[in-house]
Amino acid sequence: MAAIILNLYLSQNVPIHRVISFMREEHNFSKTKSQYAYQLKKWGAKKNLKRTDWQHLRSQLQERLGKQSEVVYRGIPLPLRKIRKETQRYAFIPTAREFGARVTSPKVPYEVVLRARTPPVVDNSSWPDLPWFRFKDRVLLSELWNVTDELFT
């Protein structure tokens, strides 16, 4: 049951009231909304990041300024628009007391991954006449001929 509930709630982004209806109708599993909320909290299932998580993410992104980065939360890449909106919403503005003190960066939960975006793989169709592609094709063909010669001799 847990796998079904978590899949609906987190992966498919179904609201809790629809999860309750689905589980009642399809699996004859009748629980209250507060029971679902308690169990989801116990499982650590949350759809959104906390203020401190967004603040930490902002500081990490500022360190990588000028580099393309991808933010992944629970295995799902977050859209750039959402990242921009949330990091601006929760921008850390120090108070007078904190201004002189050294502020440490908050810890980010293990579900959030920040990784560098690698350039997409270039295929032959985009640049068919590049010398590298012609060379690679020639080498692959010669290897193919060597393998077929070995099979039939």
N, C-alpha and C. Protein backbone atom coordinates (compact mmCIF):
# COMPACT_ATOMS: atom_id res chain seq x y z
N MET A 1 0.81 -1.20 0.00
CA MET A 1 0.00 0.00 0.00
C MET A 1 0.86 1.26 0.00
N ALA A 2 1.97 1.22 0.75
CA ALA A 2 2.83 2.40 0.85
C ALA A 2 3.36 2.81 -0.51
N ALA A 3 3.78 1.84 -1.31
CA ALA A 3 4.33 2.15 -2.63
C ALA A 3 3.29 2.84 -3.51
N ILE A 4 2.05 2.37 -3.44
CA ILE A 4 0.98 2.96 -4.25
C ILE A 4 0.72 4.40 -3.81
N ILE A 5 0.63 4.59 -2.50
CA ILE A 5 0.35 5.93 -1.96
C ILE A 5 1.48 6.90 -2.31
N LEU A 6 2.72 6.47 -2.10
CA LEU A 6 3.86 7.35 -2.39
C LEU A 6 3.96 7.65 -3.88
N ASN A 7 3.68 6.66 -4.71
CA ASN A 7 3.72 6.88 -6.16
C ASN A 7 2.68 7.92 -6.57
N LEU A 8 1.47 7.77 -6.07
CA LEU A 8 0.41 8.73 -6.41
C LEU A 8 0.76 10.13 -5.89
N TYR A 9 1.14 10.20 -4.63
CA TYR A 9 1.34 11.50 -3.97
C TYR A 9 2.58 12.23 -4.48
N LEU A 10 3.71 11.52 -4.60
CA LEU A 10 4.96 12.19 -4.98
C LEU A 10 5.23 12.15 -6.48
N SER A 11 5.19 10.96 -7.07
CA SER A 11 5.58 10.84 -8.48
C SER A 11 4.54 11.43 -9.42
N GLN A 12 3.26 11.12 -9.15
CA GLN A 12 2.21 11.60 -10.04
C GLN A 12 1.63 12.94 -9.58
N ASN A 13 2.09 13.43 -8.43
CA ASN A 13 1.67 14.74 -7.91
C ASN A 13 0.16 14.85 -7.71
N VAL A 14 -0.44 13.77 -7.24
CA VAL A 14 -1.89 13.74 -6.99
C VAL A 14 -2.16 14.36 -5.62
N PRO A 15 -3.13 15.27 -5.51
CA PRO A 15 -3.46 15.86 -4.20
C PRO A 15 -3.93 14.78 -3.22
N ILE A 16 -3.72 15.04 -1.94
CA ILE A 16 -4.01 14.05 -0.90
C ILE A 16 -5.47 13.61 -0.90
N HIS A 17 -6.41 14.53 -1.16
CA HIS A 17 -7.82 14.13 -1.14
C HIS A 17 -8.14 13.15 -2.28
N ARG A 18 -7.44 13.27 -3.41
CA ARG A 18 -7.66 12.32 -4.51
C ARG A 18 -6.98 10.98 -4.21
N VAL A 19 -5.86 11.02 -3.50
CA VAL A 19 -5.21 9.77 -3.09
C VAL A 19 -6.14 9.00 -2.17
N ILE A 20 -6.76 9.72 -1.24
CA ILE A 20 -7.70 9.09 -0.30
C ILE A 20 -8.86 8.45 -1.06
N SER A 21 -9.44 9.18 -2.01
CA SER A 21 -10.56 8.65 -2.80
C SER A 21 -10.13 7.42 -3.60
N PHE A 22 -8.99 7.51 -4.25
CA PHE A 22 -8.49 6.40 -5.06
C PHE A 22 -8.28 5.15 -4.21
N MET A 23 -7.64 5.32 -3.06
CA MET A 23 -7.36 4.17 -2.19
C MET A 23 -8.64 3.57 -1.64
N ARG A 24 -9.63 4.41 -1.36
CA ARG A 24 -10.91 3.91 -0.85
C ARG A 24 -11.65 3.12 -1.93
N GLU A 25 -11.69 3.67 -3.16
CA GLU A 25 -12.45 3.04 -4.24
C GLU A 25 -11.75 1.81 -4.82
N GLU A 26 -10.45 1.92 -5.06
CA GLU A 26 -9.72 0.85 -5.75
C GLU A 26 -9.21 -0.26 -4.82
N HIS A 27 -8.89 0.10 -3.57
CA HIS A 27 -8.26 -0.87 -2.68
C HIS A 27 -9.03 -1.08 -1.37
N ASN A 28 -10.20 -0.46 -1.26
CA ASN A 28 -11.02 -0.58 -0.05
C ASN A 28 -10.20 -0.24 1.20
N PHE A 29 -9.42 0.82 1.11
CA PHE A 29 -8.52 1.25 2.17
C PHE A 29 -9.02 2.59 2.69
N SER A 30 -9.76 2.56 3.81
CA SER A 30 -10.40 3.78 4.33
C SER A 30 -9.64 4.32 5.53
N LYS A 31 -9.00 5.46 5.33
CA LYS A 31 -8.31 6.17 6.41
C LYS A 31 -8.66 7.65 6.29
N THR A 32 -8.47 8.38 7.39
CA THR A 32 -8.79 9.81 7.38
C THR A 32 -7.62 10.60 6.81
N LYS A 33 -7.90 11.86 6.50
CA LYS A 33 -6.86 12.74 5.94
C LYS A 33 -5.72 12.92 6.94
N SER A 34 -6.06 13.05 8.22
CA SER A 34 -5.01 13.23 9.23
C SER A 34 -4.15 11.98 9.38
N GLN A 35 -4.75 10.80 9.19
CA GLN A 35 -3.96 9.57 9.24
C GLN A 35 -2.99 9.50 8.06
N TYR A 36 -3.46 9.92 6.89
CA TYR A 36 -2.57 9.98 5.72
C TYR A 36 -1.44 10.98 5.97
N ALA A 37 -1.78 12.15 6.48
CA ALA A 37 -0.78 13.19 6.73
C ALA A 37 0.27 12.69 7.72
N TYR A 38 -0.17 12.02 8.78
CA TYR A 38 0.75 11.49 9.78
C TYR A 38 1.69 10.46 9.15
N GLN A 39 1.12 9.55 8.37
CA GLN A 39 1.93 8.49 7.77
C GLN A 39 2.90 9.04 6.73
N LEU A 40 2.46 10.00 5.92
CA LEU A 40 3.34 10.61 4.93
C LEU A 40 4.51 11.33 5.61
N LYS A 41 4.22 12.00 6.72
CA LYS A 41 5.28 12.67 7.48
C LYS A 41 6.25 11.64 8.05
N LYS A 42 5.70 10.54 8.54
CA LYS A 42 6.52 9.47 9.11
C LYS A 42 7.44 8.87 8.04
N TRP A 43 6.94 8.75 6.82
CA TRP A 43 7.74 8.22 5.71
C TRP A 43 8.72 9.25 5.16
N GLY A 44 8.57 10.50 5.55
CA GLY A 44 9.45 11.56 5.04
C GLY A 44 9.05 12.03 3.66
N ALA A 45 7.79 11.81 3.30
CA ALA A 45 7.30 12.19 1.98
C ALA A 45 6.83 13.64 2.01
N LYS A 46 7.56 14.49 1.32
CA LYS A 46 7.15 15.88 1.21
C LYS A 46 7.35 16.33 -0.22
N LYS A 47 6.47 17.20 -0.67
CA LYS A 47 6.51 17.65 -2.06
C LYS A 47 7.40 18.87 -2.24
N ASN A 48 7.56 19.66 -1.19
CA ASN A 48 8.27 20.93 -1.32
C ASN A 48 9.47 21.00 -0.40
N LEU A 49 10.40 21.85 -0.77
CA LEU A 49 11.58 22.10 0.05
C LEU A 49 11.29 23.17 1.09
N LYS A 50 12.07 23.18 2.16
CA LYS A 50 11.91 24.18 3.21
C LYS A 50 12.69 25.45 2.84
N ARG A 51 12.43 26.50 3.59
CA ARG A 51 13.11 27.78 3.39
C ARG A 51 14.63 27.60 3.44
N THR A 52 15.12 26.89 4.44
CA THR A 52 16.57 26.72 4.59
C THR A 52 17.16 25.94 3.41
N ASP A 53 16.40 25.00 2.86
CA ASP A 53 16.87 24.24 1.70
C ASP A 53 17.05 25.15 0.50
N TRP A 54 16.08 26.03 0.26
CA TRP A 54 16.17 26.96 -0.87
C TRP A 54 17.31 27.95 -0.65
N GLN A 55 17.53 28.38 0.59
CA GLN A 55 18.63 29.30 0.87
C GLN A 55 19.97 28.64 0.60
N HIS A 56 20.11 27.40 1.01
CA HIS A 56 21.36 26.68 0.75
C HIS A 56 21.56 26.47 -0.74
N LEU A 57 20.50 26.12 -1.41
CA LEU A 57 20.57 25.91 -2.86
C LEU A 57 20.99 27.19 -3.56
N ARG A 58 20.46 28.31 -3.10
CA ARG A 58 20.84 29.61 -3.69
C ARG A 58 22.34 29.86 -3.53
N SER A 59 22.86 29.58 -2.33
CA SER A 59 24.30 29.81 -2.11
C SER A 59 25.14 28.88 -2.98
N GLN A 60 24.69 27.64 -3.16
CA GLN A 60 25.42 26.71 -4.03
C GLN A 60 25.39 27.19 -5.48
N LEU A 61 24.24 27.67 -5.92
CA LEU A 61 24.14 28.16 -7.29
C LEU A 61 24.98 29.41 -7.49
N GLN A 62 25.07 30.26 -6.47
CA GLN A 62 25.91 31.45 -6.58
C GLN A 62 27.38 31.09 -6.69
N GLU A 63 27.79 30.01 -6.01
CA GLU A 63 29.17 29.54 -6.13
C GLU A 63 29.46 29.06 -7.55
N ARG A 64 28.45 28.55 -8.21
CA ARG A 64 28.60 28.03 -9.57
C ARG A 64 28.20 29.07 -10.62
N LEU A 65 28.20 30.33 -10.24
CA LEU A 65 27.77 31.40 -11.13
C LEU A 65 28.45 31.31 -12.49
N GLY A 66 27.65 31.37 -13.54
CA GLY A 66 28.17 31.30 -14.90
C GLY A 66 28.22 29.89 -15.46
N LYS A 67 28.00 28.89 -14.60
CA LYS A 67 28.02 27.50 -15.07
C LYS A 67 26.59 26.99 -15.11
N GLN A 68 26.28 26.18 -16.09
CA GLN A 68 24.94 25.61 -16.16
C GLN A 68 24.83 24.52 -15.11
N SER A 69 23.75 24.56 -14.35
CA SER A 69 23.53 23.59 -13.29
C SER A 69 22.13 23.03 -13.41
N GLU A 70 21.95 21.84 -12.89
CA GLU A 70 20.65 21.19 -12.89
C GLU A 70 20.35 20.80 -11.45
N VAL A 71 19.15 21.14 -10.98
CA VAL A 71 18.74 20.80 -9.63
C VAL A 71 17.74 19.66 -9.72
N VAL A 72 18.03 18.59 -8.99
CA VAL A 72 17.18 17.40 -9.00
C VAL A 72 16.67 17.17 -7.59
N TYR A 73 15.36 17.03 -7.45
CA TYR A 73 14.74 16.76 -6.16
C TYR A 73 13.96 15.47 -6.26
N ARG A 74 14.36 14.49 -5.46
CA ARG A 74 13.76 13.16 -5.46
C ARG A 74 13.75 12.54 -6.86
N GLY A 75 14.84 12.75 -7.59
CA GLY A 75 14.99 12.13 -8.90
C GLY A 75 14.35 12.88 -10.05
N ILE A 76 13.69 13.99 -9.76
CA ILE A 76 13.00 14.75 -10.80
C ILE A 76 13.68 16.11 -10.96
N PRO A 77 14.15 16.44 -12.18
CA PRO A 77 14.77 17.76 -12.38
C PRO A 77 13.74 18.87 -12.17
N LEU A 78 14.14 19.89 -11.42
CA LEU A 78 13.25 21.03 -11.18
C LEU A 78 13.37 22.02 -12.33
N PRO A 79 12.24 22.58 -12.77
CA PRO A 79 12.28 23.58 -13.85
C PRO A 79 13.03 24.84 -13.40
N LEU A 80 13.73 25.45 -14.33
CA LEU A 80 14.51 26.65 -14.05
C LEU A 80 13.63 27.76 -13.49
N ARG A 81 12.41 27.87 -13.99
CA ARG A 81 11.49 28.91 -13.52
C ARG A 81 11.18 28.75 -12.03
N LYS A 82 10.95 27.51 -11.60
CA LYS A 82 10.66 27.25 -10.19
C LYS A 82 11.88 27.54 -9.32
N ILE A 83 13.06 27.15 -9.79
CA ILE A 83 14.28 27.40 -9.04
C ILE A 83 14.49 28.90 -8.85
N ARG A 84 14.33 29.65 -9.92
CA ARG A 84 14.51 31.10 -9.85
C ARG A 84 13.50 31.72 -8.89
N LYS A 85 12.24 31.33 -9.00
CA LYS A 85 11.18 31.90 -8.16
C LYS A 85 11.42 31.61 -6.68
N GLU A 86 11.71 30.35 -6.37
CA GLU A 86 11.87 29.96 -4.97
C GLU A 86 13.14 30.51 -4.34
N THR A 87 14.23 30.54 -5.10
CA THR A 87 15.47 31.08 -4.53
C THR A 87 15.36 32.58 -4.31
N GLN A 88 14.60 33.28 -5.15
CA GLN A 88 14.38 34.71 -4.93
C GLN A 88 13.44 34.94 -3.76
N ARG A 89 12.45 34.08 -3.62
CA ARG A 89 11.49 34.21 -2.52
C ARG A 89 12.19 34.05 -1.17
N TYR A 90 13.08 33.09 -1.09
CA TYR A 90 13.73 32.80 0.18
C TYR A 90 15.17 33.31 0.24
N ALA A 91 15.45 34.40 -0.45
CA ALA A 91 16.80 34.98 -0.41
C ALA A 91 17.13 35.36 1.03
N PHE A 92 18.33 35.01 1.45
CA PHE A 92 18.76 35.28 2.82
C PHE A 92 19.18 36.73 2.95
N ILE A 93 18.48 37.47 3.80
CA ILE A 93 18.82 38.87 4.07
C ILE A 93 19.19 38.93 5.55
N PRO A 94 20.47 39.18 5.86
CA PRO A 94 20.89 39.15 7.27
C PRO A 94 20.30 40.31 8.07
N THR A 95 20.00 40.02 9.33
CA THR A 95 19.54 41.07 10.24
C THR A 95 20.77 41.84 10.74
N ALA A 96 20.54 42.92 11.47
CA ALA A 96 21.65 43.74 11.98
C ALA A 96 22.58 42.90 12.86
N ARG A 97 22.03 42.02 13.66
CA ARG A 97 22.83 41.19 14.56
C ARG A 97 23.65 40.18 13.75
N GLU A 98 23.06 39.62 12.71
CA GLU A 98 23.75 38.61 11.91
C GLU A 98 24.74 39.22 10.93
N PHE A 99 24.62 40.51 10.66
CA PHE A 99 25.43 41.15 9.62
C PHE A 99 26.92 41.03 9.91
N GLY A 100 27.31 41.30 11.15
CA GLY A 100 28.73 41.22 11.50
C GLY A 100 29.19 39.80 11.80
N ALA A 101 28.26 38.93 12.17
CA ALA A 101 28.61 37.56 12.52
C ALA A 101 28.85 36.74 11.26
N ARG A 102 29.61 35.70 11.44
CA ARG A 102 29.85 34.81 10.31
C ARG A 102 28.65 33.88 10.16
N VAL A 103 28.04 33.88 9.00
CA VAL A 103 26.85 33.08 8.75
C VAL A 103 27.27 31.82 8.02
N THR A 104 26.88 30.67 8.57
CA THR A 104 27.21 29.41 7.91
C THR A 104 26.11 29.05 6.94
N SER A 105 26.48 28.33 5.94
CA SER A 105 25.51 27.90 4.93
C SER A 105 24.68 26.75 5.49
N PRO A 106 23.35 26.80 5.35
CA PRO A 106 22.52 25.71 5.85
C PRO A 106 22.78 24.43 5.07
N LYS A 107 22.52 23.31 5.72
CA LYS A 107 22.71 22.01 5.07
C LYS A 107 21.51 21.70 4.19
N VAL A 108 21.78 21.08 3.07
CA VAL A 108 20.72 20.73 2.13
C VAL A 108 20.35 19.26 2.35
N PRO A 109 19.08 18.89 2.21
CA PRO A 109 18.71 17.49 2.40
C PRO A 109 19.30 16.61 1.31
N TYR A 110 19.45 15.32 1.64
CA TYR A 110 20.08 14.40 0.69
C TYR A 110 19.25 14.20 -0.57
N GLU A 111 17.96 14.57 -0.55
CA GLU A 111 17.12 14.37 -1.73
C GLU A 111 17.40 15.39 -2.82
N VAL A 112 18.08 16.49 -2.48
CA VAL A 112 18.36 17.54 -3.45
C VAL A 112 19.77 17.35 -3.99
N VAL A 113 19.86 17.28 -5.30
CA VAL A 113 21.15 17.09 -5.95
C VAL A 113 21.38 18.25 -6.90
N LEU A 114 22.54 18.85 -6.81
CA LEU A 114 22.93 19.91 -7.73
C LEU A 114 24.06 19.36 -8.57
N ARG A 115 23.88 19.34 -9.88
CA ARG A 115 24.93 18.80 -10.72
C ARG A 115 25.15 19.69 -11.93
N ALA A 116 26.35 19.59 -12.45
CA ALA A 116 26.69 20.36 -13.64
C ALA A 116 26.00 19.75 -14.84
N ARG A 117 25.52 20.59 -15.70
CA ARG A 117 24.89 20.13 -16.94
C ARG A 117 25.98 19.89 -17.96
N THR A 118 26.00 18.71 -18.51
CA THR A 118 26.97 18.43 -19.55
C THR A 118 26.35 18.76 -20.89
N PRO A 119 27.18 19.11 -21.85
CA PRO A 119 26.60 19.42 -23.16
C PRO A 119 25.95 18.18 -23.76
N PRO A 120 24.91 18.35 -24.56
CA PRO A 120 24.24 17.19 -25.15
C PRO A 120 25.16 16.47 -26.13
N VAL A 121 24.89 15.20 -26.30
CA VAL A 121 25.68 14.39 -27.23
C VAL A 121 25.40 14.86 -28.65
N VAL A 122 26.46 15.07 -29.40
CA VAL A 122 26.34 15.51 -30.79
C VAL A 122 26.28 14.28 -31.67
N ASP A 123 25.31 14.22 -32.52
CA ASP A 123 25.20 13.06 -33.41
C ASP A 123 25.63 13.44 -34.82
N ASN A 124 25.78 12.42 -35.64
CA ASN A 124 26.26 12.62 -37.01
C ASN A 124 25.31 13.47 -37.84
N SER A 125 24.02 13.44 -37.56
CA SER A 125 23.07 14.16 -38.40
C SER A 125 23.24 15.67 -38.30
N SER A 126 23.74 16.18 -37.15
CA SER A 126 23.92 17.62 -37.02
C SER A 126 25.13 18.11 -37.82
N TRP A 127 26.19 17.33 -37.81
CA TRP A 127 27.44 17.71 -38.48
C TRP A 127 27.96 16.51 -39.26
N PRO A 128 27.32 16.11 -40.34
CA PRO A 128 27.69 14.86 -41.02
C PRO A 128 29.07 14.86 -41.65
N ASP A 129 29.59 16.04 -41.98
CA ASP A 129 30.85 16.04 -42.71
C ASP A 129 32.05 16.43 -41.84
N LEU A 130 31.90 16.37 -40.52
CA LEU A 130 33.05 16.63 -39.67
C LEU A 130 34.07 15.50 -39.83
N PRO A 131 35.34 15.83 -39.88
CA PRO A 131 36.36 14.79 -40.07
C PRO A 131 36.31 13.69 -39.02
N TRP A 132 36.00 14.05 -37.78
CA TRP A 132 35.94 13.02 -36.73
C TRP A 132 34.87 11.97 -37.03
N PHE A 133 33.70 12.40 -37.47
CA PHE A 133 32.64 11.45 -37.76
C PHE A 133 33.00 10.56 -38.95
N ARG A 134 33.62 11.15 -39.96
CA ARG A 134 34.04 10.34 -41.11
C ARG A 134 35.08 9.31 -40.67
N PHE A 135 36.02 9.74 -39.83
CA PHE A 135 37.05 8.83 -39.32
C PHE A 135 36.42 7.71 -38.49
N LYS A 136 35.51 8.09 -37.58
CA LYS A 136 34.85 7.11 -36.71
C LYS A 136 34.08 6.08 -37.53
N ASP A 137 33.35 6.54 -38.55
CA ASP A 137 32.60 5.63 -39.40
C ASP A 137 33.53 4.67 -40.14
N ARG A 138 34.65 5.18 -40.61
CA ARG A 138 35.61 4.36 -41.33
C ARG A 138 36.19 3.29 -40.40
N VAL A 139 36.54 3.67 -39.17
CA VAL A 139 37.09 2.72 -38.21
C VAL A 139 36.05 1.67 -37.85
N LEU A 140 34.81 2.08 -37.63
CA LEU A 140 33.76 1.13 -37.30
C LEU A 140 33.53 0.14 -38.44
N LEU A 141 33.54 0.63 -39.67
CA LEU A 141 33.37 -0.26 -40.82
C LEU A 141 34.51 -1.25 -40.92
N SER A 142 35.73 -0.79 -40.72
CA SER A 142 36.86 -1.72 -40.81
C SER A 142 36.80 -2.76 -39.70
N GLU A 143 36.38 -2.35 -38.49
CA GLU A 143 36.22 -3.31 -37.40
C GLU A 143 35.13 -4.32 -37.72
N LEU A 144 34.05 -3.86 -38.31
CA LEU A 144 32.95 -4.74 -38.69
C LEU A 144 33.42 -5.77 -39.71
N TRP A 145 34.21 -5.33 -40.69
CA TRP A 145 34.73 -6.26 -41.70
C TRP A 145 35.67 -7.27 -41.06
N ASN A 146 36.48 -6.85 -40.09
CA ASN A 146 37.39 -7.78 -39.42
C ASN A 146 36.62 -8.84 -38.65
N VAL A 147 35.56 -8.44 -37.98
CA VAL A 147 34.75 -9.39 -37.21
C VAL A 147 34.06 -10.37 -38.14
N THR A 148 33.48 -9.89 -39.22
CA THR A 148 32.79 -10.81 -40.15
C THR A 148 33.77 -11.73 -40.84
N ASP A 149 34.99 -11.26 -41.15
CA ASP A 149 36.01 -12.13 -41.74
C ASP A 149 36.38 -13.25 -40.78
N GLU A 150 36.50 -12.93 -39.48
CA GLU A 150 36.85 -13.94 -38.49
C GLU A 150 35.73 -14.96 -38.33
N LEU A 151 34.50 -14.55 -38.46
CA LEU A 151 33.37 -15.47 -38.32
C LEU A 151 33.30 -16.48 -39.46
N PHE A 152 33.63 -16.05 -40.66
CA PHE A 152 33.47 -16.91 -41.82
C PHE A 152 34.76 -17.61 -42.24
N THR A 153 35.84 -17.45 -41.51
CA THR A 153 37.07 -18.15 -41.89
C THR A 153 37.40 -19.24 -40.92
